[in-house]
Protein backbone atom coordinates (compact mmCIF):
# COMPACT_ATOMS: atom_id res chain seq x y z
CA MET A 1 100.92 93.15 88.62
CA ALA A 2 104.73 92.53 88.55
CA THR A 3 106.05 89.01 88.53
CA VAL A 4 108.18 88.30 91.54
CA THR A 5 110.66 85.40 91.65
CA LEU A 6 112.86 84.24 94.71
CA PHE A 7 115.32 81.44 95.25
CA ASP A 8 113.65 78.59 97.16
CA SER A 9 116.20 76.90 99.80
CA MET A 10 114.16 73.79 99.59
CA THR A 11 114.18 73.16 96.01
CA ARG A 12 117.43 75.16 95.39
CA GLU A 13 115.65 76.71 92.37
CA MET A 14 114.18 80.14 91.39
CA ARG A 15 110.49 80.06 91.88
CA GLU A 16 107.72 82.55 91.15
CA VAL A 17 106.25 84.06 94.25
CA THR A 18 102.41 83.47 94.14
CA PRO A 19 99.84 82.98 96.86
CA LEU A 20 98.55 79.40 97.43
CA ASP A 21 94.95 80.94 97.88
CA GLY A 22 95.36 83.31 94.87
CA GLN A 23 94.72 86.26 97.03
CA CYS A 24 97.17 86.90 99.98
CA TYR A 25 100.73 85.95 100.22
CA ARG A 26 101.11 84.56 103.80
CA PHE A 27 104.70 84.40 105.28
CA TYR A 28 106.22 83.56 108.59
CA CYS A 29 109.63 85.05 109.91
CA CYS A 30 111.59 83.66 112.90
CA GLY A 31 111.73 86.63 115.14
CA PRO A 32 114.05 87.76 117.93
CA THR A 33 114.81 85.95 121.25
CA VAL A 34 114.38 88.84 123.62
CA TYR A 35 117.16 88.55 126.24
CA GLY A 36 119.19 91.61 125.11
CA PRO A 37 119.54 94.13 122.39
CA ALA A 38 119.48 92.55 118.84
CA HIS A 39 122.84 93.15 117.04
CA ILE A 40 123.44 94.37 113.42
CA GLY A 41 123.61 90.66 112.22
CA ASN A 42 120.18 89.90 113.46
CA PHE A 43 118.81 93.01 111.68
CA ARG A 44 120.30 92.13 108.26
CA THR A 45 117.64 89.32 108.32
CA PHE A 46 114.82 91.45 109.42
CA VAL A 47 115.61 94.28 106.99
CA VAL A 48 115.98 91.83 104.08
CA GLN A 49 112.52 90.26 105.12
CA ASP A 50 110.98 93.62 105.26
CA THR A 51 112.34 94.70 101.76
CA PHE A 52 110.90 91.47 100.45
CA ARG A 53 107.39 92.37 101.86
CA ARG A 54 107.72 95.85 100.45
CA VAL A 55 108.52 94.48 97.04
CA LEU A 56 105.61 92.09 96.95
CA GLU A 57 103.21 94.95 98.20
CA CYS A 58 104.59 97.35 95.55
CA ALA A 59 104.20 94.60 92.98
CA GLY A 60 100.46 94.43 93.96
CA LEU A 61 100.36 91.40 96.18
CA ALA A 62 98.33 91.50 99.36
CA THR A 63 100.62 90.00 102.29
CA LYS A 64 100.15 88.47 105.78
CA HIS A 65 103.35 88.92 107.68
CA VAL A 66 103.80 87.02 110.92
CA ARG A 67 106.99 87.52 113.05
CA ASN A 68 107.22 85.70 116.42
CA VAL A 69 108.98 86.87 119.67
CA THR A 70 110.75 83.96 121.64
CA ASP A 71 110.14 85.23 125.26
CA VAL A 72 110.78 81.89 127.00
CA ASP A 73 113.84 79.64 126.39
CA ASP A 74 117.15 79.01 128.34
CA LYS A 75 118.65 82.32 127.49
CA THR A 76 115.64 84.37 128.52
CA ILE A 77 115.13 82.45 131.78
CA ARG A 78 118.93 82.62 132.62
CA GLU A 79 119.30 86.33 131.72
CA SER A 80 116.05 87.32 133.52
CA GLN A 81 117.18 85.51 136.73
CA ALA A 82 120.60 87.14 136.48
CA ALA A 83 118.92 90.53 136.22
CA GLY A 84 116.74 89.89 139.15
CA GLN A 85 113.52 90.38 137.12
CA SER A 86 110.47 88.29 136.23
CA LEU A 87 110.59 86.68 132.83
CA LYS A 88 107.62 88.78 131.70
CA ALA A 89 109.20 92.08 132.92
CA PHE A 90 112.51 91.22 131.52
CA THR A 91 111.55 90.13 128.05
CA GLU A 92 108.94 93.01 127.70
CA HIS A 93 111.86 95.35 128.17
CA TRP A 94 113.88 93.81 125.38
CA LYS A 95 110.96 93.44 123.12
CA ASN A 96 110.21 97.00 123.43
CA LYS A 97 113.77 97.87 122.61
CA PHE A 98 113.72 95.78 119.46
CA SER A 99 110.60 97.40 118.31
CA GLU A 100 112.10 100.73 118.80
CA ASP A 101 115.05 99.60 116.64
CA CYS A 102 112.80 98.14 114.03
CA GLY A 103 111.04 101.60 113.79
CA GLU A 104 114.28 103.33 113.33
CA LEU A 105 115.33 100.92 110.50
CA ASN A 106 112.10 101.72 108.98
CA LEU A 107 110.67 98.17 109.11
CA LEU A 108 106.99 97.67 108.48
CA GLU A 109 105.26 96.19 111.63
CA PRO A 110 104.37 92.63 111.13
CA HIS A 111 100.58 91.99 110.81
CA VAL A 112 100.76 89.64 113.70
CA GLU A 113 103.72 89.50 116.25
CA PRO A 114 102.85 86.60 118.64
CA GLY A 115 104.89 85.74 121.87
CA ALA A 116 105.56 82.01 122.85
CA VAL A 117 104.29 82.46 126.37
CA ASP A 118 100.93 83.53 125.20
CA HIS A 119 100.58 80.40 123.08
CA ILE A 120 101.50 77.67 125.65
CA ASP A 121 98.00 76.09 125.21
CA HIS A 122 98.43 75.88 121.34
CA GLN A 123 101.85 74.17 121.85
CA ILE A 124 100.51 71.70 124.41
CA ARG A 125 97.83 70.67 121.89
CA MET A 126 100.24 70.05 119.22
CA ILE A 127 102.41 67.89 121.30
CA GLU A 128 99.23 65.92 122.32
CA SER A 129 98.55 65.33 118.71
CA LEU A 130 102.16 64.17 117.97
CA VAL A 131 102.08 61.83 121.01
CA GLU A 132 98.77 60.36 119.90
CA LYS A 133 100.14 59.83 116.22
CA GLY A 134 103.18 58.02 117.48
CA HIS A 135 105.71 60.87 116.59
CA ALA A 136 106.68 61.75 120.32
CA TYR A 137 107.16 60.16 123.57
CA GLN A 138 107.37 61.00 127.28
CA THR A 139 110.29 60.51 129.31
CA ASP A 140 110.65 59.77 133.20
CA ASP A 141 111.45 63.35 134.02
CA GLY A 142 108.23 64.64 132.42
CA SER A 143 109.78 65.81 129.19
CA VAL A 144 108.30 64.85 125.74
CA TYR A 145 110.48 64.30 122.70
CA PHE A 146 109.94 64.28 118.95
CA ARG A 147 110.95 60.91 117.37
CA VAL A 148 112.96 61.94 114.38
CA GLY A 149 112.98 58.41 113.06
CA SER A 150 109.20 58.54 112.57
CA PHE A 151 109.65 61.18 109.73
CA PRO A 152 111.53 59.87 106.80
CA GLY A 153 111.65 63.31 105.32
CA TYR A 154 114.01 64.64 107.85
CA GLY A 155 116.97 66.74 106.61
CA ARG A 156 115.53 67.40 103.05
CA LEU A 157 115.91 71.25 103.60
CA SER A 158 119.46 71.36 104.82
CA ARG A 159 120.53 68.17 102.88
CA VAL A 160 122.12 66.86 106.14
CA ALA A 161 124.16 63.76 105.99
CA ASP A 162 125.10 61.17 108.82
CA ARG A 163 121.77 62.30 110.48
CA GLU A 164 122.16 60.88 113.90
CA LEU A 165 125.77 62.22 114.57
CA ARG A 166 125.36 65.73 113.16
CA LEU A 167 121.83 66.16 114.84
CA GLY A 168 123.29 65.19 118.04
CA ALA A 169 126.11 67.71 117.75
CA ALA A 170 123.71 70.35 116.70
CA GLN A 171 121.12 69.30 119.41
CA THR A 172 123.79 69.84 122.26
CA ALA A 173 124.67 73.27 120.82
CA ASN A 174 120.96 74.51 120.36
CA ASP A 175 119.29 72.77 123.31
CA SER A 176 121.63 73.02 126.39
CA ASP A 177 119.30 71.35 128.88
CA GLU A 178 120.08 67.67 129.16
CA TYR A 179 117.17 65.36 129.12
CA GLU A 180 117.00 61.68 128.57
CA LYS A 181 115.87 60.58 125.22
CA ASP A 182 115.61 57.48 123.04
CA ALA A 183 117.99 58.64 120.27
CA LEU A 184 120.62 61.18 119.80
CA ALA A 185 118.57 62.86 117.06
CA ASP A 186 115.32 63.33 118.93
CA PHE A 187 114.59 66.79 120.16
CA ALA A 188 112.54 68.33 123.06
CA LEU A 189 108.93 69.40 122.57
CA TRP A 190 108.31 69.86 126.28
CA LYS A 191 111.00 70.16 128.98
CA GLY A 192 110.12 68.75 132.54
CA ARG A 193 110.53 71.39 135.22
CA LYS A 194 113.98 71.75 136.54
CA PRO A 195 115.11 73.78 139.67
CA GLU A 196 117.04 76.05 137.61
CA ASP A 197 113.94 77.13 135.75
CA GLY A 198 112.79 79.04 138.95
CA ASP A 199 109.04 80.17 138.44
CA ASN A 200 108.99 79.69 134.77
CA TYR A 201 106.94 76.59 134.29
CA TRP A 202 103.33 75.76 133.17
CA PRO A 203 101.01 72.73 133.91
CA SER A 204 100.75 70.16 131.17
CA PRO A 205 99.44 66.59 130.68
CA TRP A 206 103.04 65.32 131.46
CA GLY A 207 103.68 67.44 134.46
CA GLU A 208 105.15 71.03 134.96
CA GLY A 209 107.49 72.32 132.52
CA ARG A 210 107.86 74.49 129.58
CA PRO A 211 107.90 74.37 125.73
CA GLY A 212 110.96 73.34 123.60
CA TRP A 213 112.16 76.32 121.37
CA HIS A 214 111.54 74.56 118.04
CA LEU A 215 107.90 73.84 118.91
CA GLU A 216 107.07 77.53 119.42
CA CYS A 217 107.28 78.56 115.84
CA SER A 218 105.24 75.64 114.50
CA ALA A 219 102.43 76.32 117.00
CA MET A 220 102.22 79.98 116.14
CA SER A 221 102.55 79.57 112.42
CA LEU A 222 99.77 77.05 112.72
CA GLU A 223 97.60 79.44 114.53
CA TYR A 224 97.97 82.39 112.30
CA LEU A 225 98.83 80.91 108.92
CA GLY A 226 97.27 77.44 108.87
CA GLU A 227 98.61 74.21 108.30
CA SER A 228 100.10 75.05 104.99
CA PHE A 229 101.25 78.60 104.11
CA ASP A 230 103.35 80.28 101.40
CA MET A 231 106.66 81.01 102.85
CA HIS A 232 108.97 80.56 105.87
CA SER A 233 112.02 82.72 106.41
CA GLY A 234 114.96 83.14 108.65
CA GLY A 235 118.61 83.43 108.87
CA VAL A 236 120.49 80.65 107.11
CA ASP A 237 121.94 79.68 110.55
CA LEU A 238 118.25 78.58 111.50
CA MET A 239 118.16 76.10 108.41
CA PHE A 240 119.55 73.29 110.69
CA PRO A 241 118.30 72.14 113.03
CA HIS A 242 115.56 74.70 113.82
CA HIS A 243 113.79 74.76 110.44
CA GLU A 244 114.24 71.06 109.93
CA ASN A 245 112.64 70.36 113.37
CA GLU A 246 109.71 72.83 112.59
CA ILE A 247 109.08 70.89 109.22
CA ALA A 248 109.05 67.45 110.92
CA GLN A 249 106.85 68.27 113.78
CA SER A 250 104.41 70.35 111.81
CA GLU A 251 104.06 67.86 108.96
CA CYS A 252 103.64 64.97 111.30
CA CYS A 253 101.01 66.81 113.10
CA SER A 254 98.98 67.96 110.06
CA GLY A 255 100.02 65.61 107.33
CA LYS A 256 100.30 68.49 104.99
CA THR A 257 103.38 70.46 103.53
CA PHE A 258 104.40 72.95 106.04
CA ALA A 259 105.67 75.80 103.91
CA ASN A 260 105.60 76.14 100.18
CA HIS A 261 108.77 78.26 99.82
CA TRP A 262 111.87 78.81 101.98
CA PHE A 263 113.72 81.97 102.12
CA HIS A 264 116.94 82.16 103.99
CA ILE A 265 119.32 85.28 104.43
CA THR A 266 123.14 84.78 104.66
CA HIS A 267 125.40 85.91 107.43
CA LEU A 268 126.68 89.41 108.21
CA LEU A 269 130.43 89.51 108.61
CA VAL A 270 132.21 92.41 110.40
CA ASP A 271 135.64 93.35 109.06
CA ARG A 272 135.75 90.06 107.17
CA GLY A 273 135.15 87.86 110.29
CA LYS A 274 132.56 86.67 112.71
CA MET A 275 131.07 89.31 114.96
CA SER A 276 132.34 89.04 118.51
CA LYS A 277 132.47 91.06 121.73
CA SER A 278 136.01 89.64 122.46
CA LEU A 279 137.23 90.94 119.01
CA GLY A 280 135.78 94.43 119.68
CA ASN A 281 133.52 94.17 116.47
CA PHE A 282 130.21 93.58 118.04
CA TYR A 283 127.60 96.25 117.23
CA THR A 284 124.01 97.06 118.10
CA LEU A 285 122.15 100.00 116.40
CA ALA A 286 122.82 102.01 119.57
CA ASP A 287 126.43 101.47 119.26
CA LEU A 288 126.53 102.78 115.71
CA LYS A 289 124.36 105.66 116.59
CA GLU A 290 126.75 106.66 119.48
CA LYS A 291 129.43 106.90 116.59
CA GLY A 292 127.31 109.26 114.88
CA TYR A 293 125.74 107.06 112.25
CA THR A 294 121.91 106.53 111.52
CA ALA A 295 119.83 103.58 111.21
CA ALA A 296 118.78 104.74 107.46
CA GLU A 297 122.72 104.49 106.71
CA LEU A 298 122.84 101.03 108.11
CA ARG A 299 119.77 100.04 106.15
CA TYR A 300 121.46 101.11 103.01
CA VAL A 301 124.55 99.07 103.82
CA TYR A 302 122.34 95.93 104.17
CA LEU A 303 120.78 96.73 100.76
CA SER A 304 124.23 97.11 99.18
CA GLY A 305 124.73 93.30 99.26
CA HIS A 306 122.66 90.45 97.72
CA TYR A 307 120.82 88.47 100.49
CA ARG A 308 122.30 85.17 99.37
CA HIS A 309 125.89 86.26 99.70
CA PRO A 310 127.87 87.07 102.86
CA LEU A 311 127.90 90.87 103.45
CA ASN A 312 131.04 92.38 105.03
CA PHE A 313 130.25 95.26 107.36
CA THR A 314 132.81 97.91 108.12
CA LEU A 315 132.50 101.48 109.42
CA ASP A 316 133.76 102.59 106.21
CA SER A 317 130.63 101.00 104.53
CA LEU A 318 128.66 103.32 106.65
CA GLN A 319 130.53 106.31 105.36
CA ALA A 320 130.00 105.13 101.75
CA SER A 321 126.32 104.49 102.63
CA ARG A 322 126.12 108.19 103.78
CA GLN A 323 127.66 109.56 100.62
CA ALA A 324 125.26 107.46 98.47
CA MET A 325 122.25 108.63 100.65
CA ASN A 326 123.18 112.21 100.13
CA ARG A 327 123.36 111.81 96.38
CA LEU A 328 119.90 110.49 96.41
CA ALA A 329 118.74 113.01 98.76
CA LYS A 330 120.08 115.73 96.50
CA PHE A 331 118.14 114.47 93.62
CA ALA A 332 114.99 114.09 95.59
CA HIS A 333 115.19 117.72 97.03
CA ALA A 334 115.89 119.00 93.30
CA LEU A 335 112.66 117.43 92.22
CA ALA A 336 110.89 118.68 95.27
CA ASP A 337 111.94 122.19 94.21
CA ARG A 338 110.35 121.69 90.93
CA VAL A 339 106.93 120.54 92.17
CA GLU A 340 106.29 123.23 94.60
CA ALA A 341 107.40 121.09 97.71
CA GLU A 342 104.72 118.31 97.05
CA ALA A 343 104.73 116.00 100.02
CA PRO A 344 106.30 112.45 99.12
CA PRO A 345 103.49 110.00 98.53
CA SER A 346 102.60 107.64 101.38
CA TYR A 347 103.90 104.11 101.35
CA GLU A 348 100.33 102.97 100.43
CA SER A 349 100.13 105.28 97.65
CA ALA A 350 103.54 104.47 96.24
CA CYS A 351 102.61 100.87 96.24
CA ARG A 352 99.63 101.54 94.06
CA MET A 353 101.55 103.33 91.34
CA LYS A 354 101.52 101.17 88.21
CA ASP A 355 105.29 101.63 87.48
CA ALA A 356 108.20 103.40 88.38
CA GLY A 357 109.01 105.15 85.14
CA PRO A 358 112.73 105.78 84.66
CA PHE A 359 113.28 103.78 87.86
CA GLN A 360 111.29 100.63 86.55
CA PRO A 361 114.44 98.73 85.69
CA ALA A 362 115.62 99.14 89.36
CA PHE A 363 112.22 97.81 90.67
CA GLU A 364 112.37 94.96 88.21
CA SER A 365 115.75 93.89 89.72
CA LEU A 366 114.10 93.88 93.03
CA CYS A 367 111.37 91.48 91.63
CA LYS A 368 114.26 89.10 90.30
CA ASP A 369 115.48 87.47 93.53
CA LEU A 370 115.56 90.58 95.65
CA ASN A 371 118.53 91.90 93.78
CA THR A 372 119.02 95.10 95.83
CA PRO A 373 122.72 96.03 94.86
CA GLU A 374 121.54 95.88 91.21
CA ALA A 375 118.52 97.99 91.85
CA LEU A 376 120.58 100.54 93.65
CA GLY A 377 123.02 100.80 90.75
CA LYS A 378 120.14 101.17 88.29
CA ILE A 379 118.66 103.98 90.47
CA PHE A 380 121.95 105.96 90.15
CA THR A 381 122.15 105.21 86.44
CA ALA A 382 118.63 106.64 85.94
CA ILE A 383 119.53 109.66 88.22
CA LYS A 384 122.63 110.51 86.08
CA GLU A 385 120.54 110.55 82.98
CA ILE A 386 117.78 112.89 84.38
CA GLU A 387 118.42 116.73 84.18
CA VAL A 388 115.87 117.93 86.65
CA SER A 389 116.15 121.57 85.77
CA ALA A 390 114.93 120.60 81.97
CA LEU A 391 111.84 118.88 83.21
CA ASP A 392 108.43 120.84 83.04
CA GLU A 393 106.49 120.75 86.28
CA GLU A 394 104.06 118.01 85.39
CA VAL A 395 106.86 115.53 84.27
CA ALA A 396 108.85 116.57 87.32
CA ARG A 397 105.97 115.63 89.54
CA GLN A 398 105.54 112.15 87.80
CA VAL A 399 109.28 111.38 88.07
CA TYR A 400 109.16 112.67 91.78
CA ARG A 401 106.34 110.04 92.49
CA GLN A 402 108.02 107.34 90.64
CA PHE A 403 111.20 107.86 92.51
CA HIS A 404 109.39 107.42 95.75
CA LYS A 405 107.91 104.24 94.48
CA VAL A 406 111.32 102.51 94.37
CA LEU A 407 112.35 104.33 97.63
CA ALA A 408 109.11 102.73 99.13
CA ALA A 409 110.07 99.34 97.91
CA LEU A 410 113.76 99.73 99.47
CA GLY A 411 112.40 101.30 102.68
CA LEU A 412 114.75 104.06 102.33
CA ASN A 413 114.47 107.36 104.28
CA LEU A 414 116.49 109.97 102.82
CA PRO A 415 118.27 112.69 104.94
CA PRO A 416 116.83 116.10 105.11
CA ARG A 417 118.42 119.08 103.39
CA GLU A 418 121.62 120.13 104.84
CA GLU A 419 120.50 123.67 105.80
CA GLU A 420 117.43 122.13 107.48
CA ALA A 421 119.52 119.72 109.50
CA ALA A 422 121.78 122.56 110.38
CA ASP A 423 119.53 125.36 111.49
CA GLY A 424 116.75 123.19 112.96
CA ALA A 425 114.01 124.65 110.56
CA GLY A 426 110.62 123.10 111.27
CA ILE A 427 111.48 121.69 114.57
CA PRO A 428 109.13 122.55 117.36
CA ALA A 429 110.59 124.55 120.39
CA GLU A 430 109.71 121.75 122.80
CA ILE A 431 111.63 119.23 120.74
CA GLN A 432 114.83 121.45 120.25
CA ALA A 433 114.68 122.04 124.08
CA LEU A 434 114.60 118.17 124.70
CA ALA A 435 117.42 117.73 122.20
CA GLU A 436 119.43 120.40 123.95
CA GLU A 437 118.98 118.91 127.32
CA ARG A 438 120.08 115.51 125.85
CA TRP A 439 123.19 117.03 124.32
CA THR A 440 124.06 118.62 127.66
CA ALA A 441 123.52 115.25 129.52
CA ARG A 442 125.81 113.45 126.92
CA GLN A 443 128.52 116.25 127.47
CA ASN A 444 128.34 115.39 131.06
CA LYS A 445 128.61 111.74 130.45
CA ASP A 446 125.04 111.09 131.98
CA TRP A 447 124.32 108.15 129.68
CA ALA A 448 121.06 107.24 131.61
CA ALA A 449 119.59 110.65 131.17
CA SER A 450 120.82 110.93 127.46
CA ASP A 451 119.09 107.61 126.69
CA GLY A 452 115.89 108.55 128.53
CA LEU A 453 115.62 111.89 126.60
CA ARG A 454 116.46 110.03 123.38
CA ASP A 455 113.59 107.94 123.97
CA GLN A 456 111.39 110.84 124.63
CA LEU A 457 112.23 112.32 121.39
CA ALA A 458 111.71 109.13 119.64
CA ASP A 459 108.25 108.98 121.18
CA ALA A 460 107.54 112.47 119.88
CA GLY A 461 108.31 111.18 116.40
CA TRP A 462 112.06 112.57 116.12
CA LEU A 463 115.29 110.79 115.66
CA VAL A 464 118.52 112.41 116.85
CA ARG A 465 121.95 111.91 115.30
CA ASP A 466 125.02 112.75 117.15
CA GLY A 467 128.37 113.95 115.70
CA LYS A 468 131.65 115.10 117.04
CA GLU A 469 130.43 118.75 117.21
CA GLY A 470 126.75 118.60 117.70
CA TYR A 471 123.64 116.76 116.75
CA THR A 472 120.82 116.75 114.08
CA LEU A 473 117.27 116.10 114.39
CA THR A 474 115.29 114.16 111.71
CA PRO A 475 111.28 113.59 111.87
CA LYS A 476 110.33 109.90 111.61
CA SER A 477 108.50 109.07 108.45
């Protein structure tokens, strides 16, 4: 089994990744808040986390991956009301859209994907424990707050200084509801019912209300991973105050170390700046698809930068990604021709392979702080040195499988042969008919019909990529 190391945000050191129980690596990822489409900045974090899991599994480690869905908070309530929908219907729609995007980006499904609304009782029990132990208190409006001053270790993850002032500023930004509390640093565990919440409230020992955002992750990680688990991960923007608050409330409740390892992914920049709708550089996956790019090309862009460094996204980077993916595909197709079109190994089969042969140096880079750009460079170095036509069939077969092991670790789906994409070879007639109907709808600017037909194609297992003069269909892996 390969050794995997990863930087730990808590200790600021490189550490070996090993399961606390010696058997299964259990990790929690802060998931989406489902009030609209996730943007490409969100997906950088999710793709990196997915790649980390893939590397662990290809290194021989069993995993348990939990990623939550935030389906009740200020934003989901506000936006569902603006849309004239119930909170459940509204968030279910955006959760499904998120899942669809994850599938197109070739993200493995988490083993558990809990929603906050389904775990209200778990959160109430946790608050009761914190109140009983003196770490939380109720206010006159029926809210309950965590007493930050009761936890001396607060701030050790983010190294925050001048705790009260900085926490107060962050709390205002991250918890827009105004409630009375004893100290500026204290944060809401339970929010007493307010008129603007509408029908979105639940009974509790402190009166009707709803949970605080920070509490949701603590309660769900406790339920599915236990009081102590191997790793917690999220974007670097969540380190403070969200992750600090999770640590405080969890450790005060259990008396144990919350997470053994912390894994944070750095920001995505767009055109060297912050992504903003007002600047015209705000992109979702659907936006990029409308421009003719694929989810696989976006995934490659994410992998081209190291997760601990800001990654600058541009449309030109997608063009470079396309060229790189085509080079990889050309090599893969040449190998396939040498092995009588043997089907690529499944993800599970690729993970079980002992090594990646000429691509083992690339896999070893992935095992060392998830160095994806270095790994990609080593893959191209290996390809340059392999003369496919000179390989006998058995050697070619082995190299073909080894190549797919490192592709599996990266989660890369390569484009089809150009002639297959052009003439529709292997595409069922009914799928081709749906695609033609969708193209006609696009030409008529009937975007609703176009989107509906794209969803039908996706449900049938096909991805469609639009270009200026037409489209291509690619089967989902």
